[in-house]
Amino acid sequence: IHGPGFLRLEAEILGADHCELGGQLAQRWKLPPSLAETVRFHSRPQAATVAPALVHAVALANELAYWYLDTDEPITVDRLSEESRAYFALVG
C-alpha cells in the first residue's frame, strides 16, 4: 500500500507520515542536508530546495520500485507520474 492515501493515513495515525518522520530522524542523526531532504521529500519532490535533482531521482526510483512490485505490466513513460516526466523531460 502506498501513495497519497497511505501518507494521509500515516499522518492521521502517527501525526506525521514516514517521509516527515524519516526526515526528522535524518536531521537528528546529523546526516547531510541533501540526504535529510531526500528522505523528507521523496514522495513530493517538488518541495525540494537543497538537492532537487537527487530528490527527484529517488522519487523516480521509488515510483519504479512500486510499479515493479505492484504489477506485471511493462513500465512505460506515459504511466510515470507527471512530476517525473516533467522533471526529467521524459516523453512516451
PDB file of N, CA and C in Angstrom:
ATOM      1  N   ILE A   1       0.861  -1.173   0.000  1.00  0.00           N
ATOM      2  CA  ILE A   1       0.000   0.000   0.000  1.00  0.00           C
ATOM      3  C   ILE A   1       0.908   1.238   0.000  1.00  0.00           C
ATOM      4  N   HIS A   2       0.578   2.194  -0.825  1.00  0.00           N
ATOM      5  CA  HIS A   2       1.388   3.407  -0.928  1.00  0.00           C
ATOM      6  C   HIS A   2       0.587   4.496  -1.601  1.00  0.00           C
ATOM      7  N   GLY A   3       1.192   5.646  -1.754  1.00  0.00           N
ATOM      8  CA  GLY A   3       0.541   6.763  -2.420  1.00  0.00           C
ATOM      9  C   GLY A   3      -0.027   7.773  -1.440  1.00  0.00           C
ATOM     10  N   PRO A   4      -0.688   8.798  -1.976  1.00  0.00           N
ATOM     11  CA  PRO A   4      -1.213   9.891  -1.148  1.00  0.00           C
ATOM     12  C   PRO A   4      -2.160   9.416  -0.041  1.00  0.00           C
ATOM     13  N   GLY A   5      -2.999   8.439  -0.337  1.00  0.00           N
ATOM     14  CA  GLY A   5      -3.921   7.932   0.681  1.00  0.00           C
ATOM     15  C   GLY A   5      -3.189   7.317   1.851  1.00  0.00           C
ATOM     16  N   PHE A   6      -2.126   6.589   1.555  1.00  0.00           N
ATOM     17  CA  PHE A   6      -1.323   5.966   2.607  1.00  0.00           C
ATOM     18  C   PHE A   6      -0.625   7.026   3.455  1.00  0.00           C
ATOM     19  N   LEU A   7      -0.100   8.062   2.802  1.00  0.00           N
ATOM     20  CA  LEU A   7       0.566   9.137   3.531  1.00  0.00           C
ATOM     21  C   LEU A   7      -0.406   9.857   4.460  1.00  0.00           C
ATOM     22  N   ARG A   8      -1.622  10.085   3.968  1.00  0.00           N
ATOM     23  CA  ARG A   8      -2.645  10.728   4.810  1.00  0.00           C
ATOM     24  C   ARG A   8      -3.004   9.846   6.006  1.00  0.00           C
ATOM     25  N   LEU A   9      -3.120   8.555   5.779  1.00  0.00           N
ATOM     26  CA  LEU A   9      -3.433   7.623   6.856  1.00  0.00           C
ATOM     27  C   LEU A   9      -2.326   7.604   7.900  1.00  0.00           C
ATOM     28  N   GLU A  10      -1.080   7.558   7.440  1.00  0.00           N
ATOM     29  CA  GLU A  10       0.052   7.626   8.378  1.00  0.00           C
ATOM     30  C   GLU A  10      -0.015   8.895   9.221  1.00  0.00           C
ATOM     31  N   ALA A  11      -0.243  10.025   8.563  1.00  0.00           N
ATOM     32  CA  ALA A  11      -0.287  11.308   9.271  1.00  0.00           C
ATOM     33  C   ALA A  11      -1.438  11.336  10.269  1.00  0.00           C
ATOM     34  N   GLU A  12      -2.556  10.752   9.886  1.00  0.00           N
ATOM     35  CA  GLU A  12      -3.713  10.697  10.773  1.00  0.00           C
ATOM     36  C   GLU A  12      -3.401   9.869  12.026  1.00  0.00           C
ATOM     37  N   ILE A  13      -2.746   8.745  11.840  1.00  0.00           N
ATOM     38  CA  ILE A  13      -2.464   7.830  12.952  1.00  0.00           C
ATOM     39  C   ILE A  13      -1.252   8.279  13.772  1.00  0.00           C
ATOM     40  N   LEU A  14      -0.183   8.689  13.072  1.00  0.00           N
ATOM     41  CA  LEU A  14       1.083   8.989  13.743  1.00  0.00           C
ATOM     42  C   LEU A  14       1.329  10.481  13.976  1.00  0.00           C
ATOM     43  N   GLY A  15       0.551  11.320  13.341  1.00  0.00           N
ATOM     44  CA  GLY A  15       0.770  12.757  13.448  1.00  0.00           C
ATOM     45  C   GLY A  15       1.717  13.285  12.383  1.00  0.00           C
ATOM     46  N   ALA A  16       2.330  12.394  11.619  1.00  0.00           N
ATOM     47  CA  ALA A  16       3.214  12.741  10.503  1.00  0.00           C
ATOM     48  C   ALA A  16       3.384  11.486   9.651  1.00  0.00           C
ATOM     49  N   ASP A  17       3.704  11.670   8.376  1.00  0.00           N
ATOM     50  CA  ASP A  17       3.920  10.490   7.539  1.00  0.00           C
ATOM     51  C   ASP A  17       5.374  10.025   7.651  1.00  0.00           C
ATOM     52  N   HIS A  18       5.664   8.863   7.042  1.00  0.00           N
ATOM     53  CA  HIS A  18       7.011   8.297   7.157  1.00  0.00           C
ATOM     54  C   HIS A  18       8.074   9.198   6.529  1.00  0.00           C
ATOM     55  N   CYS A  19       7.679  10.005   5.561  1.00  0.00           N
ATOM     56  CA  CYS A  19       8.632  10.924   4.930  1.00  0.00           C
ATOM     57  C   CYS A  19       9.097  11.972   5.944  1.00  0.00           C
ATOM     58  N   GLU A  20       8.133  12.594   6.605  1.00  0.00           N
ATOM     59  CA  GLU A  20       8.454  13.628   7.595  1.00  0.00           C
ATOM     60  C   GLU A  20       9.212  13.040   8.778  1.00  0.00           C
ATOM     61  N   LEU A  21       8.756  11.905   9.273  1.00  0.00           N
ATOM     62  CA  LEU A  21       9.437  11.273  10.410  1.00  0.00           C
ATOM     63  C   LEU A  21      10.866  10.870  10.043  1.00  0.00           C
ATOM     64  N   GLY A  22      11.028  10.323   8.846  1.00  0.00           N
ATOM     65  CA  GLY A  22      12.368   9.951   8.382  1.00  0.00           C
ATOM     66  C   GLY A  22      13.270  11.160   8.218  1.00  0.00           C
ATOM     67  N   GLY A  23      12.708  12.263   7.707  1.00  0.00           N
ATOM     68  CA  GLY A  23      13.479  13.499   7.565  1.00  0.00           C
ATOM     69  C   GLY A  23      13.927  14.038   8.907  1.00  0.00           C
ATOM     70  N   GLN A  24      13.041  13.979   9.890  1.00  0.00           N
ATOM     71  CA  GLN A  24      13.399  14.426  11.247  1.00  0.00           C
ATOM     72  C   GLN A  24      14.501  13.544  11.825  1.00  0.00           C
ATOM     73  N   LEU A  25      14.393  12.245  11.613  1.00  0.00           N
ATOM     74  CA  LEU A  25      15.415  11.319  12.109  1.00  0.00           C
ATOM     75  C   LEU A  25      16.757  11.586  11.420  1.00  0.00           C
ATOM     76  N   ALA A  26      16.733  11.824  10.125  1.00  0.00           N
ATOM     77  CA  ALA A  26      17.966  12.118   9.386  1.00  0.00           C
ATOM     78  C   ALA A  26      18.632  13.381   9.922  1.00  0.00           C
ATOM     79  N   GLN A  27      17.837  14.390  10.262  1.00  0.00           N
ATOM     80  CA  GLN A  27      18.397  15.612  10.855  1.00  0.00           C
ATOM     81  C   GLN A  27      18.975  15.324  12.236  1.00  0.00           C
ATOM     82  N   ARG A  28      18.246  14.569  13.028  1.00  0.00           N
ATOM     83  CA  ARG A  28      18.717  14.235  14.377  1.00  0.00           C
ATOM     84  C   ARG A  28      20.046  13.476  14.314  1.00  0.00           C
ATOM     85  N   TRP A  29      20.176  12.611  13.311  1.00  0.00           N
ATOM     86  CA  TRP A  29      21.417  11.850  13.136  1.00  0.00           C
ATOM     87  C   TRP A  29      22.511  12.693  12.476  1.00  0.00           C
ATOM     88  N   LYS A  30      22.182  13.939  12.158  1.00  0.00           N
ATOM     89  CA  LYS A  30      23.126  14.879  11.542  1.00  0.00           C
ATOM     90  C   LYS A  30      23.633  14.401  10.171  1.00  0.00           C
ATOM     91  N   LEU A  31      22.739  13.778   9.418  1.00  0.00           N
ATOM     92  CA  LEU A  31      23.080  13.419   8.044  1.00  0.00           C
ATOM     93  C   LEU A  31      23.166  14.709   7.230  1.00  0.00           C
ATOM     94  N   PRO A  32      23.870  14.701   6.120  1.00  0.00           N
ATOM     95  CA  PRO A  32      23.962  15.909   5.298  1.00  0.00           C
ATOM     96  C   PRO A  32      22.560  16.406   4.907  1.00  0.00           C
ATOM     97  N   PRO A  33      22.398  17.723   4.815  1.00  0.00           N
ATOM     98  CA  PRO A  33      21.089  18.284   4.457  1.00  0.00           C
ATOM     99  C   PRO A  33      20.505  17.691   3.172  1.00  0.00           C
ATOM    100  N   SER A  34      21.346  17.378   2.198  1.00  0.00           N
ATOM    101  CA  SER A  34      20.833  16.809   0.940  1.00  0.00           C
ATOM    102  C   SER A  34      20.172  15.450   1.177  1.00  0.00           C
ATOM    103  N   LEU A  35      20.740  14.648   2.074  1.00  0.00           N
ATOM    104  CA  LEU A  35      20.137  13.345   2.371  1.00  0.00           C
ATOM    105  C   LEU A  35      18.873  13.490   3.206  1.00  0.00           C
ATOM    106  N   ALA A  36      18.904  14.377   4.184  1.00  0.00           N
ATOM    107  CA  ALA A  36      17.713  14.603   5.005  1.00  0.00           C
ATOM    108  C   ALA A  36      16.560  15.091   4.122  1.00  0.00           C
ATOM    109  N   GLU A  37      16.855  15.981   3.188  1.00  0.00           N
ATOM    110  CA  GLU A  37      15.823  16.480   2.291  1.00  0.00           C
ATOM    111  C   GLU A  37      15.311  15.368   1.380  1.00  0.00           C
ATOM    112  N   THR A  38      16.185  14.499   0.930  1.00  0.00           N
ATOM    113  CA  THR A  38      15.776  13.395   0.062  1.00  0.00           C
ATOM    114  C   THR A  38      14.827  12.455   0.793  1.00  0.00           C
ATOM    115  N   VAL A  39      15.139  12.153   2.035  1.00  0.00           N
ATOM    116  CA  VAL A  39      14.252  11.308   2.835  1.00  0.00           C
ATOM    117  C   VAL A  39      12.912  12.008   3.029  1.00  0.00           C
ATOM    118  N   ARG A  40      12.944  13.274   3.400  1.00  0.00           N
ATOM    119  CA  ARG A  40      11.719  14.021   3.724  1.00  0.00           C
ATOM    120  C   ARG A  40      10.807  14.202   2.504  1.00  0.00           C
ATOM    121  N   PHE A  41      11.379  14.444   1.335  1.00  0.00           N
ATOM    122  CA  PHE A  41      10.567  14.824   0.179  1.00  0.00           C
ATOM    123  C   PHE A  41      10.529  13.804  -0.960  1.00  0.00           C
ATOM    124  N   HIS A  42      10.913  12.548  -0.705  1.00  0.00           N
ATOM    125  CA  HIS A  42      10.899  11.576  -1.801  1.00  0.00           C
ATOM    126  C   HIS A  42       9.499  11.305  -2.348  1.00  0.00           C
ATOM    127  N   SER A  43       8.464  11.645  -1.588  1.00  0.00           N
ATOM    128  CA  SER A  43       7.094  11.468  -2.086  1.00  0.00           C
ATOM    129  C   SER A  43       6.491  12.766  -2.620  1.00  0.00           C
ATOM    130  N   ARG A  44       7.173  13.882  -2.429  1.00  0.00           N
ATOM    131  CA  ARG A  44       6.749  15.161  -3.003  1.00  0.00           C
ATOM    132  C   ARG A  44       7.994  15.967  -3.382  1.00  0.00           C
ATOM    133  N   PRO A  45       8.668  15.506  -4.425  1.00  0.00           N
ATOM    134  CA  PRO A  45       9.954  16.094  -4.805  1.00  0.00           C
ATOM    135  C   PRO A  45       9.896  17.562  -5.193  1.00  0.00           C
ATOM    136  N   GLN A  46       8.736  18.057  -5.579  1.00  0.00           N
ATOM    137  CA  GLN A  46       8.620  19.460  -5.963  1.00  0.00           C
ATOM    138  C   GLN A  46       8.911  20.393  -4.792  1.00  0.00           C
ATOM    139  N   ALA A  47       8.894  19.878  -3.560  1.00  0.00           N
ATOM    140  CA  ALA A  47       9.165  20.697  -2.374  1.00  0.00           C
ATOM    141  C   ALA A  47      10.670  20.821  -2.078  1.00  0.00           C
ATOM    142  N   ALA A  48      11.501  20.075  -2.781  1.00  0.00           N
ATOM    143  CA  ALA A  48      12.944  20.080  -2.528  1.00  0.00           C
ATOM    144  C   ALA A  48      13.577  21.411  -2.913  1.00  0.00           C
ATOM    145  N   THR A  49      14.510  21.883  -2.076  1.00  0.00           N
ATOM    146  CA  THR A  49      15.229  23.121  -2.374  1.00  0.00           C
ATOM    147  C   THR A  49      16.743  22.946  -2.277  1.00  0.00           C
ATOM    148  N   VAL A  50      17.211  22.021  -1.465  1.00  0.00           N
ATOM    149  CA  VAL A  50      18.649  21.828  -1.246  1.00  0.00           C
ATOM    150  C   VAL A  50      19.267  20.965  -2.345  1.00  0.00           C
ATOM    151  N   ALA A  51      18.616  19.852  -2.668  1.00  0.00           N
ATOM    152  CA  ALA A  51      19.156  18.921  -3.655  1.00  0.00           C
ATOM    153  C   ALA A  51      18.029  18.376  -4.534  1.00  0.00           C
ATOM    154  N   PRO A  52      17.388  19.253  -5.319  1.00  0.00           N
ATOM    155  CA  PRO A  52      16.232  18.805  -6.087  1.00  0.00           C
ATOM    156  C   PRO A  52      16.522  17.658  -7.062  1.00  0.00           C
ATOM    157  N   ALA A  53      17.680  17.655  -7.693  1.00  0.00           N
ATOM    158  CA  ALA A  53      17.983  16.577  -8.637  1.00  0.00           C
ATOM    159  C   ALA A  53      18.049  15.228  -7.926  1.00  0.00           C
ATOM    160  N   LEU A  54      18.697  15.187  -6.772  1.00  0.00           N
ATOM    161  CA  LEU A  54      18.777  13.948  -6.001  1.00  0.00           C
ATOM    162  C   LEU A  54      17.390  13.510  -5.534  1.00  0.00           C
ATOM    163  N   VAL A  55      16.606  14.437  -5.031  1.00  0.00           N
ATOM    164  CA  VAL A  55      15.265  14.110  -4.544  1.00  0.00           C
ATOM    165  C   VAL A  55      14.402  13.578  -5.688  1.00  0.00           C
ATOM    166  N   HIS A  56      14.464  14.210  -6.842  1.00  0.00           N
ATOM    167  CA  HIS A  56      13.670  13.745  -7.985  1.00  0.00           C
ATOM    168  C   HIS A  56      14.138  12.370  -8.460  1.00  0.00           C
ATOM    169  N   ALA A  57      15.439  12.119  -8.440  1.00  0.00           N
ATOM    170  CA  ALA A  57      15.948  10.804  -8.849  1.00  0.00           C
ATOM    171  C   ALA A  57      15.452   9.715  -7.896  1.00  0.00           C
ATOM    172  N   VAL A  58      15.480   9.979  -6.612  1.00  0.00           N
ATOM    173  CA  VAL A  58      15.000   8.999  -5.630  1.00  0.00           C
ATOM    174  C   VAL A  58      13.486   8.831  -5.754  1.00  0.00           C
ATOM    175  N   ALA A  59      12.768   9.911  -5.993  1.00  0.00           N
ATOM    176  CA  ALA A  59      11.317   9.820  -6.184  1.00  0.00           C
ATOM    177  C   ALA A  59      10.983   8.943  -7.388  1.00  0.00           C
ATOM    178  N   LEU A  60      11.727   9.109  -8.473  1.00  0.00           N
ATOM    179  CA  LEU A  60      11.515   8.286  -9.660  1.00  0.00           C
ATOM    180  C   LEU A  60      11.848   6.823  -9.354  1.00  0.00           C
ATOM    181  N   ALA A  61      12.950   6.577  -8.667  1.00  0.00           N
ATOM    182  CA  ALA A  61      13.312   5.204  -8.292  1.00  0.00           C
ATOM    183  C   ALA A  61      12.233   4.584  -7.407  1.00  0.00           C
ATOM    184  N   ASN A  62      11.691   5.360  -6.493  1.00  0.00           N
ATOM    185  CA  ASN A  62      10.615   4.897  -5.615  1.00  0.00           C
ATOM    186  C   ASN A  62       9.385   4.515  -6.446  1.00  0.00           C
ATOM    187  N   GLU A  63       9.062   5.370  -7.397  1.00  0.00           N
ATOM    188  CA  GLU A  63       7.923   5.120  -8.277  1.00  0.00           C
ATOM    189  C   GLU A  63       8.121   3.835  -9.087  1.00  0.00           C
ATOM    190  N   LEU A  64       9.322   3.664  -9.638  1.00  0.00           N
ATOM    191  CA  LEU A  64       9.617   2.462 -10.418  1.00  0.00           C
ATOM    192  C   LEU A  64       9.593   1.205  -9.551  1.00  0.00           C
ATOM    193  N   ALA A  65      10.087   1.295  -8.334  1.00  0.00           N
ATOM    194  CA  ALA A  65      10.080   0.144  -7.431  1.00  0.00           C
ATOM    195  C   ALA A  65       8.647  -0.277  -7.110  1.00  0.00           C
ATOM    196  N   TYR A  66       7.786   0.687  -6.811  1.00  0.00           N
ATOM    197  CA  TYR A  66       6.391   0.350  -6.538  1.00  0.00           C
ATOM    198  C   TYR A  66       5.722  -0.241  -7.770  1.00  0.00           C
ATOM    199  N   TRP A  67       6.034   0.315  -8.919  1.00  0.00           N
ATOM    200  CA  TRP A  67       5.473  -0.210 -10.163  1.00  0.00           C
ATOM    201  C   TRP A  67       5.876  -1.670 -10.321  1.00  0.00           C
ATOM    202  N   TYR A  68       7.145  -1.952 -10.133  1.00  0.00           N
ATOM    203  CA  TYR A  68       7.667  -3.309 -10.285  1.00  0.00           C
ATOM    204  C   TYR A  68       6.987  -4.276  -9.316  1.00  0.00           C
ATOM    205  N   LEU A  69       6.773  -3.833  -8.085  1.00  0.00           N
ATOM    206  CA  LEU A  69       6.170  -4.695  -7.067  1.00  0.00           C
ATOM    207  C   LEU A  69       4.661  -4.857  -7.244  1.00  0.00           C
ATOM    208  N   ASP A  70       4.000  -3.863  -7.819  1.00  0.00           N
ATOM    209  CA  ASP A  70       2.538  -3.866  -7.887  1.00  0.00           C
ATOM    210  C   ASP A  70       1.941  -4.477  -9.146  1.00  0.00           C
ATOM    211  N   THR A  71       2.701  -4.597 -10.202  1.00  0.00           N
ATOM    212  CA  THR A  71       2.095  -5.022 -11.462  1.00  0.00           C
ATOM    213  C   THR A  71       3.074  -5.831 -12.311  1.00  0.00           C
ATOM    214  N   ASP A  72       2.518  -6.621 -13.183  1.00  0.00           N
ATOM    215  CA  ASP A  72       3.330  -7.358 -14.158  1.00  0.00           C
ATOM    216  C   ASP A  72       3.358  -6.636 -15.496  1.00  0.00           C
ATOM    217  N   GLU A  73       2.660  -5.502 -15.564  1.00  0.00           N
ATOM    218  CA  GLU A  73       2.621  -4.739 -16.807  1.00  0.00           C
ATOM    219  C   GLU A  73       3.965  -4.067 -17.050  1.00  0.00           C
ATOM    220  N   PRO A  74       4.327  -3.878 -18.315  1.00  0.00           N
ATOM    221  CA  PRO A  74       5.598  -3.193 -18.609  1.00  0.00           C
ATOM    222  C   PRO A  74       5.551  -1.740 -18.128  1.00  0.00           C
ATOM    223  N   ILE A  75       6.695  -1.254 -17.720  1.00  0.00           N
ATOM    224  CA  ILE A  75       6.803   0.143 -17.301  1.00  0.00           C
ATOM    225  C   ILE A  75       6.983   0.984 -18.556  1.00  0.00           C
ATOM    226  N   THR A  76       6.094   1.942 -18.730  1.00  0.00           N
ATOM    227  CA  THR A  76       6.181   2.835 -19.880  1.00  0.00           C
ATOM    228  C   THR A  76       6.199   4.277 -19.376  1.00  0.00           C
ATOM    229  N   VAL A  77       6.819   5.136 -20.122  1.00  0.00           N
ATOM    230  CA  VAL A  77       6.976   6.537 -19.730  1.00  0.00           C
ATOM    231  C   VAL A  77       5.631   7.194 -19.462  1.00  0.00           C
ATOM    232  N   ASP A  78       4.642   6.901 -20.295  1.00  0.00           N
ATOM    233  CA  ASP A  78       3.346   7.564 -20.130  1.00  0.00           C
ATOM    234  C   ASP A  78       2.638   7.188 -18.831  1.00  0.00           C
ATOM    235  N   ARG A  79       3.084   6.133 -18.166  1.00  0.00           N
ATOM    236  CA  ARG A  79       2.462   5.731 -16.907  1.00  0.00           C
ATOM    237  C   ARG A  79       3.210   6.269 -15.687  1.00  0.00           C
ATOM    238  N   LEU A  80       4.335   6.924 -15.911  1.00  0.00           N
ATOM    239  CA  LEU A  80       5.049   7.560 -14.806  1.00  0.00           C
ATOM    240  C   LEU A  80       4.301   8.813 -14.375  1.00  0.00           C
ATOM    241  N   SER A  81       4.592   9.279 -13.181  1.00  0.00           N
ATOM    242  CA  SER A  81       3.915  10.480 -12.697  1.00  0.00           C
ATOM    243  C   SER A  81       4.247  11.673 -13.586  1.00  0.00           C
ATOM    244  N   GLU A  82       3.327  12.588 -13.639  1.00  0.00           N
ATOM    245  CA  GLU A  82       3.543  13.817 -14.410  1.00  0.00           C
ATOM    246  C   GLU A  82       4.781  14.548 -13.893  1.00  0.00           C
ATOM    247  N   GLU A  83       4.965  14.525 -12.559  1.00  0.00           N
ATOM    248  CA  GLU A  83       6.126  15.178 -11.935  1.00  0.00           C
ATOM    249  C   GLU A  83       7.437  14.615 -12.493  1.00  0.00           C
ATOM    250  N   SER A  84       7.561  13.277 -12.547  1.00  0.00           N
ATOM    251  CA  SER A  84       8.788  12.654 -13.048  1.00  0.00           C
ATOM    252  C   SER A  84       8.978  12.931 -14.526  1.00  0.00           C
ATOM    253  N   ARG A  85       7.917  12.809 -15.288  1.00  0.00           N
ATOM    254  CA  ARG A  85       8.038  13.065 -16.745  1.00  0.00           C
ATOM    255  C   ARG A  85       8.493  14.493 -17.001  1.00  0.00           C
ATOM    256  N   ALA A  86       7.935  15.443 -16.281  1.00  0.00           N
ATOM    257  CA  ALA A  86       8.285  16.848 -16.490  1.00  0.00           C
ATOM    258  C   ALA A  86       9.710  17.131 -16.057  1.00  0.00           C
ATOM    259  N   TYR A  87      10.087  16.662 -14.867  1.00  0.00           N
ATOM    260  CA  TYR A  87      11.419  16.988 -14.348  1.00  0.00           C
ATOM    261  C   TYR A  87      12.523  16.416 -15.231  1.00  0.00           C
ATOM    262  N   PHE A  88      12.358  15.185 -15.667  1.00  0.00           N
ATOM    263  CA  PHE A  88      13.395  14.527 -16.462  1.00  0.00           C
ATOM    264  C   PHE A  88      13.170  14.661 -17.975  1.00  0.00           C
ATOM    265  N   ALA A  89      12.164  15.441 -18.356  1.00  0.00           N
ATOM    266  CA  ALA A  89      11.839  15.659 -19.760  1.00  0.00           C
ATOM    267  C   ALA A  89      11.658  14.330 -20.487  1.00  0.00           C
ATOM    268  N   LEU A  90      10.890  13.451 -19.877  1.00  0.00           N
ATOM    269  CA  LEU A  90      10.628  12.133 -20.466  1.00  0.00           C
ATOM    270  C   LEU A  90       9.399  12.229 -21.357  1.00  0.00           C
ATOM    271  N   VAL A  91       9.504  11.648 -22.522  1.00  0.00           N
ATOM    272  CA  VAL A  91       8.365  11.601 -23.435  1.00  0.00           C
ATOM    273  C   VAL A  91       8.101  10.148 -23.813  1.00  0.00           C
ATOM    274  N   GLY A  92       6.830   9.824 -23.975  1.00  0.00           N
ATOM    275  CA  GLY A  92       6.441   8.441 -24.254  1.00  0.00           C
ATOM    276  C   GLY A  92       6.393   8.108 -25.710  1.00  0.00           C
TER     277      GLY A  92
END
